[in-house]
Amino acid sequence: MEICPGQRILDAGCGNGYMSKRFSKLVGNTGKIYALDPDKETINNLKQEVDKTNIEPLVGDITKTTELKDCTIDLIYLSTVFHIFSDIQIVGFKKEIKRILKPKAQLAIVNIHKKETPFGPPLEMRSSPEELRQKLSLTPKELIEVGDYFYMQLFVNI
């Protein structure tokens, strides 16, 4: 994902903040991580854990307008969340990511493959890499296999 010191990363649907904490180390003191999740309790817990760090926990929904400023984000990371979006939420997601991503910034989506797996959502909720590319208006950059059950599709905001 080409993460560098000084970058601003949005971990959308961050949950307990596991990836936010990893990203925090990679961007260093000059970078900023926004940990966004709609669950207020989860975000309140994370706020206590990451006080006085470069992680800013936010209650919010990436399928709606967030409090983030226009064209300020270098990378949006979304892991095993996209499958829960309705068609209307996908429209809102596309609008919001286009608003907050810098030009040439990246979107990384981790999904469970659309095939039988020992866990995960029903197959009809999942998107194959091809279906994901059709649903989003960014330029596909790279498809990366992540273990036996997951893939990560990188997109570029051109």
C-alpha atoms as a PDB file:
ATOM      1  CA  MET A   1       0.000   0.000   0.000  1.00  0.00           C
ATOM      2  CA  GLU A   2       3.086   2.213  -0.082  1.00  0.00           C
ATOM      3  CA  ILE A   3       2.528   3.653   3.392  1.00  0.00           C
ATOM      4  CA  CYS A   4       5.076   6.351   4.281  1.00  0.00           C
ATOM      5  CA  PRO A   5       5.816   8.671   7.195  1.00  0.00           C
ATOM      6  CA  GLY A   6       3.637  11.766   7.137  1.00  0.00           C
ATOM      7  CA  GLN A   7       0.643  10.226   5.402  1.00  0.00           C
ATOM      8  CA  ARG A   8      -2.974  10.572   6.471  1.00  0.00           C
ATOM      9  CA  ILE A   9      -4.850   7.274   6.539  1.00  0.00           C
ATOM     10  CA  LEU A  10      -8.511   6.551   7.160  1.00  0.00           C
ATOM     11  CA  ASP A  11      -9.247   3.135   8.665  1.00  0.00           C
ATOM     12  CA  ALA A  12     -12.971   2.966   7.823  1.00  0.00           C
ATOM     13  CA  GLY A  13     -14.936   0.472   9.886  1.00  0.00           C
ATOM     14  CA  CYS A  14     -11.949   0.258  12.218  1.00  0.00           C
ATOM     15  CA  GLY A  15     -13.590  -1.857  14.926  1.00  0.00           C
ATOM     16  CA  ASN A  16     -11.138  -2.193  17.820  1.00  0.00           C
ATOM     17  CA  GLY A  17      -8.468  -0.222  15.949  1.00  0.00           C
ATOM     18  CA  TYR A  18      -6.056  -3.083  15.329  1.00  0.00           C
ATOM     19  CA  MET A  19      -5.031  -1.852  11.869  1.00  0.00           C
ATOM     20  CA  SER A  20      -5.112   1.803  12.938  1.00  0.00           C
ATOM     21  CA  LYS A  21      -2.427   1.011  15.503  1.00  0.00           C
ATOM     22  CA  ARG A  22      -0.307  -0.741  12.870  1.00  0.00           C
ATOM     23  CA  PHE A  23      -0.707   2.151  10.443  1.00  0.00           C
ATOM     24  CA  SER A  24       0.182   4.592  13.244  1.00  0.00           C
ATOM     25  CA  LYS A  25       3.680   3.135  13.505  1.00  0.00           C
ATOM     26  CA  LEU A  26       4.196   3.329   9.741  1.00  0.00           C
ATOM     27  CA  VAL A  27       3.228   6.993   9.339  1.00  0.00           C
ATOM     28  CA  GLY A  28       5.132   8.107  12.435  1.00  0.00           C
ATOM     29  CA  ASN A  29       4.752  11.341  14.379  1.00  0.00           C
ATOM     30  CA  THR A  30       4.268  13.402  11.223  1.00  0.00           C
ATOM     31  CA  GLY A  31       1.346  11.270  10.020  1.00  0.00           C
ATOM     32  CA  LYS A  32      -2.247  10.928  11.149  1.00  0.00           C
ATOM     33  CA  ILE A  33      -4.621   7.986  11.385  1.00  0.00           C
ATOM     34  CA  TYR A  34      -8.369   8.485  11.451  1.00  0.00           C
ATOM     35  CA  ALA A  35     -10.108   5.458  12.988  1.00  0.00           C
ATOM     36  CA  LEU A  36     -13.737   5.645  11.881  1.00  0.00           C
ATOM     37  CA  ASP A  37     -16.524   3.376  13.092  1.00  0.00           C
ATOM     38  CA  PRO A  38     -20.264   3.858  13.658  1.00  0.00           C
ATOM     39  CA  ASP A  39     -20.156   2.069  17.028  1.00  0.00           C
ATOM     40  CA  LYS A  40     -19.859   4.769  19.727  1.00  0.00           C
ATOM     41  CA  GLU A  41     -18.803   2.361  22.485  1.00  0.00           C
ATOM     42  CA  THR A  42     -16.008   0.890  20.365  1.00  0.00           C
ATOM     43  CA  ILE A  43     -14.748   4.372  19.488  1.00  0.00           C
ATOM     44  CA  ASN A  44     -14.913   5.524  23.117  1.00  0.00           C
ATOM     45  CA  ASN A  45     -12.817   2.510  24.173  1.00  0.00           C
ATOM     46  CA  LEU A  46     -10.328   3.205  21.391  1.00  0.00           C
ATOM     47  CA  LYS A  47     -10.070   6.875  22.420  1.00  0.00           C
ATOM     48  CA  GLN A  48      -8.887   5.795  25.858  1.00  0.00           C
ATOM     49  CA  GLU A  49      -6.335   3.362  24.399  1.00  0.00           C
ATOM     50  CA  VAL A  50      -4.773   5.771  21.916  1.00  0.00           C
ATOM     51  CA  ASP A  51      -4.854   9.017  23.867  1.00  0.00           C
ATOM     52  CA  LYS A  52      -1.893  11.262  22.967  1.00  0.00           C
ATOM     53  CA  THR A  53      -1.018   9.301  19.807  1.00  0.00           C
ATOM     54  CA  ASN A  54      -1.387  10.141  16.121  1.00  0.00           C
ATOM     55  CA  ILE A  55      -4.675   8.175  16.002  1.00  0.00           C
ATOM     56  CA  GLU A  56      -7.911  10.142  16.045  1.00  0.00           C
ATOM     57  CA  PRO A  57     -10.941   7.897  16.703  1.00  0.00           C
ATOM     58  CA  LEU A  58     -14.151   9.174  15.125  1.00  0.00           C
ATOM     59  CA  VAL A  59     -17.748   8.022  15.301  1.00  0.00           C
ATOM     60  CA  GLY A  60     -19.026   7.991  11.748  1.00  0.00           C
ATOM     61  CA  ASP A  61     -20.157   6.099   8.685  1.00  0.00           C
ATOM     62  CA  ILE A  62     -18.066   6.073   5.495  1.00  0.00           C
ATOM     63  CA  THR A  63     -21.262   5.738   3.435  1.00  0.00           C
ATOM     64  CA  LYS A  64     -22.282   9.231   4.586  1.00  0.00           C
ATOM     65  CA  THR A  65     -20.497  12.569   4.809  1.00  0.00           C
ATOM     66  CA  THR A  66     -17.849  12.421   7.531  1.00  0.00           C
ATOM     67  CA  GLU A  67     -16.152  15.262   9.399  1.00  0.00           C
ATOM     68  CA  LEU A  68     -12.963  14.780   7.356  1.00  0.00           C
ATOM     69  CA  LYS A  69     -11.910  17.641   5.092  1.00  0.00           C
ATOM     70  CA  ASP A  70     -11.903  17.478   1.294  1.00  0.00           C
ATOM     71  CA  CYS A  71      -8.830  16.009  -0.436  1.00  0.00           C
ATOM     72  CA  THR A  72      -6.892  15.223   2.766  1.00  0.00           C
ATOM     73  CA  ILE A  73      -6.556  11.436   2.823  1.00  0.00           C
ATOM     74  CA  ASP A  74      -3.675   9.473   1.259  1.00  0.00           C
ATOM     75  CA  LEU A  75      -5.160   6.022   1.877  1.00  0.00           C
ATOM     76  CA  ILE A  76      -8.572   4.672   2.826  1.00  0.00           C
ATOM     77  CA  TYR A  77      -8.462   1.142   4.235  1.00  0.00           C
ATOM     78  CA  LEU A  78     -11.668  -0.895   4.452  1.00  0.00           C
ATOM     79  CA  SER A  79     -11.433  -4.490   5.661  1.00  0.00           C
ATOM     80  CA  THR A  80     -14.307  -6.986   5.501  1.00  0.00           C
ATOM     81  CA  VAL A  81     -16.912  -4.232   5.578  1.00  0.00           C
ATOM     82  CA  PHE A  82     -17.904  -3.597   1.943  1.00  0.00           C
ATOM     83  CA  HIS A  83     -20.177  -6.653   1.779  1.00  0.00           C
ATOM     84  CA  ILE A  84     -22.625  -5.091   4.255  1.00  0.00           C
ATOM     85  CA  PHE A  85     -23.223  -1.994   2.094  1.00  0.00           C
ATOM     86  CA  SER A  86     -26.583  -1.719   0.335  1.00  0.00           C
ATOM     87  CA  ASP A  87     -26.712  -0.246  -3.183  1.00  0.00           C
ATOM     88  CA  ILE A  88     -27.681   3.124  -1.673  1.00  0.00           C
ATOM     89  CA  GLN A  89     -24.765   2.930   0.779  1.00  0.00           C
ATOM     90  CA  ILE A  90     -22.364   2.133  -2.084  1.00  0.00           C
ATOM     91  CA  VAL A  91     -23.477   5.358  -3.792  1.00  0.00           C
ATOM     92  CA  GLY A  92     -22.771   7.291  -0.573  1.00  0.00           C
ATOM     93  CA  PHE A  93     -19.441   5.473  -0.116  1.00  0.00           C
ATOM     94  CA  LYS A  94     -18.301   6.389  -3.633  1.00  0.00           C
ATOM     95  CA  LYS A  95     -19.279  10.029  -3.105  1.00  0.00           C
ATOM     96  CA  GLU A  96     -17.487  10.283   0.244  1.00  0.00           C
ATOM     97  CA  ILE A  97     -14.257   8.577  -0.825  1.00  0.00           C
ATOM     98  CA  LYS A  98     -14.021  10.801  -3.912  1.00  0.00           C
ATOM     99  CA  ARG A  99     -14.487  13.846  -1.666  1.00  0.00           C
ATOM    100  CA  ILE A 100     -11.841  13.013   0.942  1.00  0.00           C
ATOM    101  CA  LEU A 101      -9.147  11.239  -1.115  1.00  0.00           C
ATOM    102  CA  LYS A 102      -6.292  13.320  -2.460  1.00  0.00           C
ATOM    103  CA  PRO A 103      -5.591  13.029  -6.185  1.00  0.00           C
ATOM    104  CA  LYS A 104      -3.592   9.836  -6.838  1.00  0.00           C
ATOM    105  CA  ALA A 105      -4.410   8.590  -3.326  1.00  0.00           C
ATOM    106  CA  GLN A 106      -5.381   4.962  -2.760  1.00  0.00           C
ATOM    107  CA  LEU A 107      -8.342   2.938  -1.598  1.00  0.00           C
ATOM    108  CA  ALA A 108      -7.609  -0.558  -0.243  1.00  0.00           C
ATOM    109  CA  ILE A 109     -10.521  -2.954   0.181  1.00  0.00           C
ATOM    110  CA  VAL A 110     -10.039  -6.340   1.825  1.00  0.00           C
ATOM    111  CA  ASN A 111     -12.810  -8.819   1.082  1.00  0.00           C
ATOM    112  CA  ILE A 112     -13.511 -12.495   1.596  1.00  0.00           C
ATOM    113  CA  HIS A 113     -13.444 -14.369  -1.726  1.00  0.00           C
ATOM    114  CA  LYS A 114     -16.783 -15.106  -3.333  1.00  0.00           C
ATOM    115  CA  LYS A 115     -16.506 -18.860  -2.853  1.00  0.00           C
ATOM    116  CA  GLU A 116     -17.250 -21.345  -0.106  1.00  0.00           C
ATOM    117  CA  THR A 117     -15.165 -20.604   2.990  1.00  0.00           C
ATOM    118  CA  PRO A 118     -15.391 -21.911   6.564  1.00  0.00           C
ATOM    119  CA  PHE A 119     -16.567 -18.461   7.743  1.00  0.00           C
ATOM    120  CA  GLY A 120     -17.908 -15.187   6.447  1.00  0.00           C
ATOM    121  CA  PRO A 121     -21.104 -13.738   5.080  1.00  0.00           C
ATOM    122  CA  PRO A 122     -23.400 -15.587   2.675  1.00  0.00           C
ATOM    123  CA  LEU A 123     -22.033 -15.838  -0.881  1.00  0.00           C
ATOM    124  CA  GLU A 124     -24.744 -13.556  -2.273  1.00  0.00           C
ATOM    125  CA  MET A 125     -23.436 -10.714  -0.060  1.00  0.00           C
ATOM    126  CA  ARG A 126     -19.846 -11.045  -1.275  1.00  0.00           C
ATOM    127  CA  SER A 127     -18.219  -9.363  -4.266  1.00  0.00           C
ATOM    128  CA  SER A 128     -15.643 -10.959  -6.509  1.00  0.00           C
ATOM    129  CA  PRO A 129     -12.737  -8.684  -7.494  1.00  0.00           C
ATOM    130  CA  GLU A 130     -14.413  -8.142 -10.880  1.00  0.00           C
ATOM    131  CA  GLU A 131     -17.743  -7.207  -9.282  1.00  0.00           C
ATOM    132  CA  LEU A 132     -15.990  -4.872  -6.847  1.00  0.00           C
ATOM    133  CA  ARG A 133     -14.216  -3.077  -9.709  1.00  0.00           C
ATOM    134  CA  GLN A 134     -17.573  -2.644 -11.494  1.00  0.00           C
ATOM    135  CA  LYS A 135     -19.196  -1.138  -8.388  1.00  0.00           C
ATOM    136  CA  LEU A 136     -16.517   1.514  -7.767  1.00  0.00           C
ATOM    137  CA  SER A 137     -15.497   4.496  -9.869  1.00  0.00           C
ATOM    138  CA  LEU A 138     -11.789   4.492  -9.055  1.00  0.00           C
ATOM    139  CA  THR A 139      -9.018   3.061 -11.209  1.00  0.00           C
ATOM    140  CA  PRO A 140      -8.001  -0.484 -10.198  1.00  0.00           C
ATOM    141  CA  LYS A 141      -4.291  -0.676  -9.388  1.00  0.00           C
ATOM    142  CA  GLU A 142      -3.455  -4.105  -8.005  1.00  0.00           C
ATOM    143  CA  LEU A 143      -5.157  -7.265  -6.800  1.00  0.00           C
ATOM    144  CA  ILE A 144      -3.371  -9.042  -3.945  1.00  0.00           C
ATOM    145  CA  GLU A 145      -4.213 -12.456  -2.537  1.00  0.00           C
ATOM    146  CA  VAL A 146      -4.275 -12.375   1.272  1.00  0.00           C
ATOM    147  CA  GLY A 147      -4.072 -15.908   2.624  1.00  0.00           C
ATOM    148  CA  ASP A 148      -6.486 -18.593   1.488  1.00  0.00           C
ATOM    149  CA  TYR A 149      -9.745 -16.717   1.913  1.00  0.00           C
ATOM    150  CA  PHE A 150      -9.185 -13.008   1.366  1.00  0.00           C
ATOM    151  CA  TYR A 151      -8.108 -10.594  -1.354  1.00  0.00           C
ATOM    152  CA  MET A 152      -7.160  -6.929  -1.291  1.00  0.00           C
ATOM    153  CA  GLN A 153      -8.052  -4.727  -4.242  1.00  0.00           C
ATOM    154  CA  LEU A 154      -6.123  -1.479  -4.490  1.00  0.00           C
ATOM    155  CA  PHE A 155      -7.636   1.458  -6.374  1.00  0.00           C
ATOM    156  CA  VAL A 156      -6.166   4.854  -7.291  1.00  0.00           C
ATOM    157  CA  ASN A 157      -8.093   8.128  -7.270  1.00  0.00           C
ATOM    158  CA  ILE A 158      -7.318   9.584 -10.706  1.00  0.00           C
END
